[in-house]
Protein backbone atom coordinates (compact mmCIF):
# COMPACT_ATOMS: atom_id res chain seq x y z
CA UNK A 1 0.62 -1.77 15.76
CA UNK A 2 -0.78 1.73 15.57
CA UNK A 3 -3.64 2.64 17.89
CA UNK A 4 -6.98 2.79 16.08
CA UNK A 5 -7.41 6.53 16.68
CA UNK A 6 -3.92 7.17 15.26
CA UNK A 7 -4.80 5.10 12.19
CA UNK A 8 -8.01 7.07 11.69
CA UNK A 9 -6.22 10.39 12.10
CA UNK A 10 -3.49 9.48 9.63
CA UNK A 11 -5.99 8.11 7.13
CA UNK A 12 -8.13 11.26 7.27
CA UNK A 13 -5.05 13.47 6.88
CA UNK A 14 -3.88 11.54 3.84
CA UNK A 15 -7.26 11.61 2.11
CA UNK A 16 -7.63 15.35 2.54
CA UNK A 17 -4.08 16.06 1.44
CA UNK A 18 -4.32 13.86 -1.65
CA UNK A 19 -7.71 15.18 -2.72
CA UNK A 20 -6.97 18.86 -2.35
CA UNK A 21 -3.26 19.09 -3.08
CA UNK A 22 -2.21 21.59 -5.73
CA UNK A 23 -2.74 20.18 -9.20
CA UNK A 24 -4.65 17.08 -8.01
CA UNK A 25 -7.74 17.84 -10.09
CA UNK A 26 -5.67 18.49 -13.20
CA UNK A 27 -3.70 15.27 -12.80
CA UNK A 28 -6.79 13.14 -12.32
CA UNK A 29 -8.80 14.67 -15.16
CA UNK A 30 -5.99 15.17 -17.69
CA UNK A 31 -5.89 12.48 -20.37
CA UNK A 32 -5.41 8.86 -19.41
CA UNK A 33 -5.76 8.49 -15.66
CA UNK A 34 -3.00 5.93 -15.09
CA UNK A 35 -0.43 7.97 -17.00
CA UNK A 36 -0.61 10.88 -14.56
CA UNK A 37 0.68 9.06 -11.47
CA UNK A 38 3.82 8.69 -9.40
CA UNK A 39 6.39 8.57 -8.17
CA UNK A 40 5.75 5.81 -5.65
CA UNK A 41 7.36 2.75 -4.10
CA UNK A 42 5.23 -0.39 -3.90
CA UNK A 43 6.26 -2.85 -1.20
CA UNK A 44 5.22 -6.50 -1.34
CA UNK A 45 6.31 -8.63 1.60
CA UNK A 46 6.21 -12.11 3.03
CA UNK A 47 4.63 -12.51 6.46
CA UNK A 48 7.13 -11.83 9.21
CA UNK A 49 9.72 -10.22 6.94
CA UNK A 50 9.12 -6.75 8.40
CA UNK A 51 7.86 -5.10 5.23
CA UNK A 52 5.64 -2.54 6.98
CA UNK A 53 8.40 -1.48 9.37
CA UNK A 54 10.90 -1.18 6.52
CA UNK A 55 8.43 0.89 4.49
CA UNK A 56 7.99 3.28 7.42
CA UNK A 57 11.76 3.72 7.68
CA UNK A 58 11.96 4.43 3.95
CA UNK A 59 9.07 6.89 4.18
CA UNK A 60 10.81 8.76 6.98
CA UNK A 61 14.06 9.02 4.99
CA UNK A 62 12.36 10.12 1.77
CA UNK A 63 9.76 12.32 3.48
CA UNK A 64 7.00 10.36 1.70
CA UNK A 65 3.58 9.24 2.93
CA UNK A 66 3.26 5.58 3.91
CA UNK A 67 0.02 3.78 3.09
CA UNK A 68 0.40 0.56 5.04
CA UNK A 69 -1.94 -2.36 5.61
CA UNK A 70 -3.69 -0.87 8.65
CA UNK A 71 -4.46 2.45 6.97
CA UNK A 72 -5.51 0.75 3.73
CA UNK A 73 -7.98 -1.45 5.60
CA UNK A 74 -9.36 1.51 7.53
CA UNK A 75 -9.91 3.58 4.39
CA UNK A 76 -11.49 0.78 2.39
CA UNK A 77 -13.74 -0.33 5.25
CA UNK A 78 -14.90 3.10 6.40
CA UNK A 79 -15.21 5.21 3.28
CA UNK A 80 -17.91 2.94 1.97
CA UNK A 81 -20.16 3.97 4.83
CA UNK A 82 -18.81 6.97 6.71
CA UNK A 83 -20.53 10.29 6.08
CA UNK A 84 -17.47 12.34 7.04
CA UNK A 85 -15.83 12.10 3.64
CA UNK A 86 -19.08 12.69 1.79
CA UNK A 87 -19.82 15.78 3.87
CA UNK A 88 -16.28 17.03 3.38
CA UNK A 89 -16.59 16.60 -0.38
CA UNK A 90 -19.98 18.33 -0.44
CA UNK A 91 -18.58 21.29 1.47
CA UNK A 92 -15.96 21.81 -1.21
CA UNK A 93 -18.41 21.17 -4.07
CA UNK A 94 -15.80 18.99 -5.78
CA UNK A 95 -17.73 17.04 -8.41
CA UNK A 96 -14.59 15.46 -9.83
CA UNK A 97 -13.86 13.88 -6.45
CA UNK A 98 -17.45 12.71 -6.17
CA UNK A 99 -16.92 10.83 -9.41
CA UNK A 100 -13.80 9.14 -8.08
CA UNK A 101 -15.55 8.04 -4.89
CA UNK A 102 -18.93 7.07 -6.32
CA UNK A 103 -18.39 3.42 -5.57
CA UNK A 104 -17.30 4.20 -2.00
CA UNK A 105 -20.56 5.70 -0.81
CA UNK A 106 -23.22 3.38 -2.16
CA UNK A 107 -23.92 1.04 0.71
CA UNK A 108 -22.89 -0.95 3.74
CA UNK A 109 -21.93 -4.33 2.36
CA UNK A 110 -19.58 -5.23 -0.44
CA UNK A 111 -18.05 -8.27 -2.09
CA UNK A 112 -14.37 -9.08 -2.49
CA UNK A 113 -14.64 -7.69 -6.01
CA UNK A 114 -15.91 -4.38 -4.65
CA UNK A 115 -13.09 -4.40 -2.11
CA UNK A 116 -10.54 -4.65 -4.91
CA UNK A 117 -12.32 -1.91 -6.86
CA UNK A 118 -12.06 0.36 -3.82
CA UNK A 119 -8.38 -0.52 -3.48
CA UNK A 120 -7.96 0.55 -7.11
CA UNK A 121 -9.62 3.92 -6.41
CA UNK A 122 -7.61 4.48 -3.24
CA UNK A 123 -4.28 3.57 -4.81
CA UNK A 124 -4.94 5.76 -7.84
CA UNK A 125 -5.76 8.71 -5.60
CA UNK A 126 -2.55 8.23 -3.60
CA UNK A 127 -0.52 7.65 -6.78
CA UNK A 128 -1.83 10.86 -8.37
CA UNK A 129 -0.49 12.77 -5.41
CA UNK A 130 2.84 10.94 -5.71
CA UNK A 131 5.67 10.59 -3.20
CA UNK A 132 3.98 7.70 -1.44
CA UNK A 133 4.91 4.24 -0.17
CA UNK A 134 2.17 1.61 -0.54
CA UNK A 135 2.51 -1.66 1.37
CA UNK A 136 0.83 -4.84 0.12
CA UNK A 137 -2.77 -5.34 -1.02
CA UNK A 138 -1.74 -6.03 -4.61
CA UNK A 139 -0.72 -2.45 -5.39
CA UNK A 140 1.99 -3.79 -7.68
CA UNK A 141 -0.73 -5.27 -9.90
CA UNK A 142 -3.00 -2.20 -9.83
CA UNK A 143 -0.64 0.69 -10.54
CA UNK A 144 1.53 0.97 -13.67
CA UNK A 145 5.03 -0.40 -13.09
CA UNK A 146 6.81 2.29 -15.10
CA UNK A 147 5.75 5.12 -12.77
CA UNK A 148 7.17 3.66 -9.56
CA UNK A 149 9.63 1.25 -7.99
CA UNK A 150 8.35 -2.18 -6.99
CA UNK A 151 10.04 -4.01 -4.10
CA UNK A 152 9.64 -7.50 -2.63
CA UNK A 153 10.76 -8.17 0.98
CA UNK A 154 11.33 -11.82 1.87
CA UNK A 155 13.20 -14.20 4.19
CA UNK A 156 13.35 -17.94 4.93
CA UNK A 157 10.25 -19.23 6.71
CA UNK A 158 12.18 -20.20 9.85
CA UNK A 159 13.44 -16.64 10.25
CA UNK A 160 9.98 -15.21 9.67
CA UNK A 161 8.34 -17.64 12.09
CA UNK A 162 10.84 -16.61 14.77
CA UNK A 163 9.94 -12.94 14.21
CA UNK A 164 6.23 -13.68 14.49
CA UNK A 165 6.72 -15.85 17.59
CA UNK A 166 8.54 -13.01 19.33
CA UNK A 167 6.11 -10.32 18.20
CA UNK A 168 2.90 -12.22 19.00
CA UNK A 169 4.04 -14.36 21.92
CA UNK A 170 3.46 -17.63 20.06
CA UNK A 171 5.27 -20.93 20.14
CA UNK A 172 7.47 -21.66 17.13
CA UNK A 173 4.97 -24.27 15.97
CA UNK A 174 2.10 -21.80 16.20
CA UNK A 175 4.14 -19.07 14.52
CA UNK A 176 5.17 -21.37 11.71
CA UNK A 177 1.52 -22.26 11.09
CA UNK A 178 0.54 -18.57 11.23
CA UNK A 179 3.17 -17.65 8.63
CA UNK A 180 2.17 -20.47 6.30
CA UNK A 181 -1.54 -19.58 6.50
CA UNK A 182 -0.90 -15.86 5.98
CA UNK A 183 1.39 -16.48 3.01
CA UNK A 184 -1.20 -18.78 1.50
CA UNK A 185 -3.98 -16.20 1.92
CA UNK A 186 -1.91 -13.42 0.36
CA UNK A 187 -0.94 -15.60 -2.58
CA UNK A 188 -4.58 -16.64 -3.07
CA UNK A 189 -5.71 -12.99 -3.00
CA UNK A 190 -3.26 -12.01 -5.76
CA UNK A 191 -4.03 -15.11 -7.82
CA UNK A 192 -7.81 -14.65 -7.57
CA UNK A 193 -7.99 -10.93 -8.29
CA UNK A 194 -4.93 -10.25 -10.46
CA UNK A 195 -4.16 -13.68 -11.94
CA UNK A 196 -0.50 -13.37 -10.98
CA UNK A 197 1.91 -14.98 -8.52
CA UNK A 198 2.90 -12.64 -5.73
CA UNK A 199 6.12 -14.60 -5.15
CA UNK A 200 7.30 -14.32 -8.76
CA UNK A 201 10.57 -12.30 -8.56
CA UNK A 202 10.11 -11.10 -12.15
CA UNK A 203 7.22 -8.95 -10.94
CA UNK A 204 9.57 -6.67 -8.98
CA UNK A 205 12.40 -4.23 -9.60
CA UNK A 206 14.16 -5.09 -6.35
CA UNK A 207 14.02 -8.23 -4.17
CA UNK A 208 15.58 -8.10 -0.69
CA UNK A 209 16.24 -11.07 1.60
CA UNK A 210 16.32 -9.61 5.12
CA UNK A 211 17.65 -12.71 6.89
CA UNK A 212 21.22 -11.42 7.06
CA UNK A 213 20.54 -7.68 7.19
CA UNK A 214 18.72 -5.43 9.65
CA UNK A 215 15.64 -3.46 8.68
CA UNK A 216 17.51 -0.18 8.53
CA UNK A 217 19.94 -1.71 6.05
CA UNK A 218 17.05 -2.87 3.88
CA UNK A 219 15.48 0.59 4.10
CA UNK A 220 18.75 2.24 3.09
CA UNK A 221 18.96 -0.05 0.07
CA UNK A 222 15.43 0.89 -1.03
CA UNK A 223 16.15 4.59 -0.55
CA UNK A 224 19.27 4.28 -2.70
CA UNK A 225 17.40 2.32 -5.38
CA UNK A 226 14.61 4.91 -5.36
CA UNK A 227 17.11 7.72 -5.82
CA UNK A 228 18.69 5.95 -8.79
CA UNK A 229 15.26 5.26 -10.29
CA UNK A 230 14.20 8.89 -9.90
CA UNK A 231 17.46 10.08 -11.42
CA UNK A 232 16.88 7.81 -14.40
CA UNK A 233 13.52 9.46 -15.05
CA UNK A 234 14.95 12.94 -15.49
């Protein structure tokens, strides 16, 4: 788990880079917004399958940004209320960015629907920059499939419970219950907001069972698949 200050620092760096990268304004304002995105890799994972760790390994090998669950939560929670982003935008007099973030600076509280709307804004901003890994939070159902590679990381529940027990210092019974509850919550989130089944393998370009492979092996497979996908686009 990243320290909170490290999460904040990385989140701030990403936002500034994505907003003011060369060509960002043109990509966002040119034609249909969702056509000017990518490339990206979207990682969906079962609890305890190591999806975040695998995504970080892939990001390191590709030299891409990694937008994982901790950073996503920080950005969505804080940019609805924090003045730092607003002040930064005002300093640059970037009206087009103000339009993108209108819904992020309107108040303290927000519903689950507003949360998903903010996810949509955040993911689109990251996707317009391109070369980014996005872990979880329904990104597969927000961003267009044809502009990125979609990956599902899974493993048998016994394997995943053992990973959680070791990581969190839980008994196997407690870890098993934790995994079941977390899987259920993630599935409910996707079903409620996107009317899809997160576990449906047809939703993904690549499905990896990590039970009999280490995380580096899974990362290498994703890197290879990404290279083939990028080659096919040219």
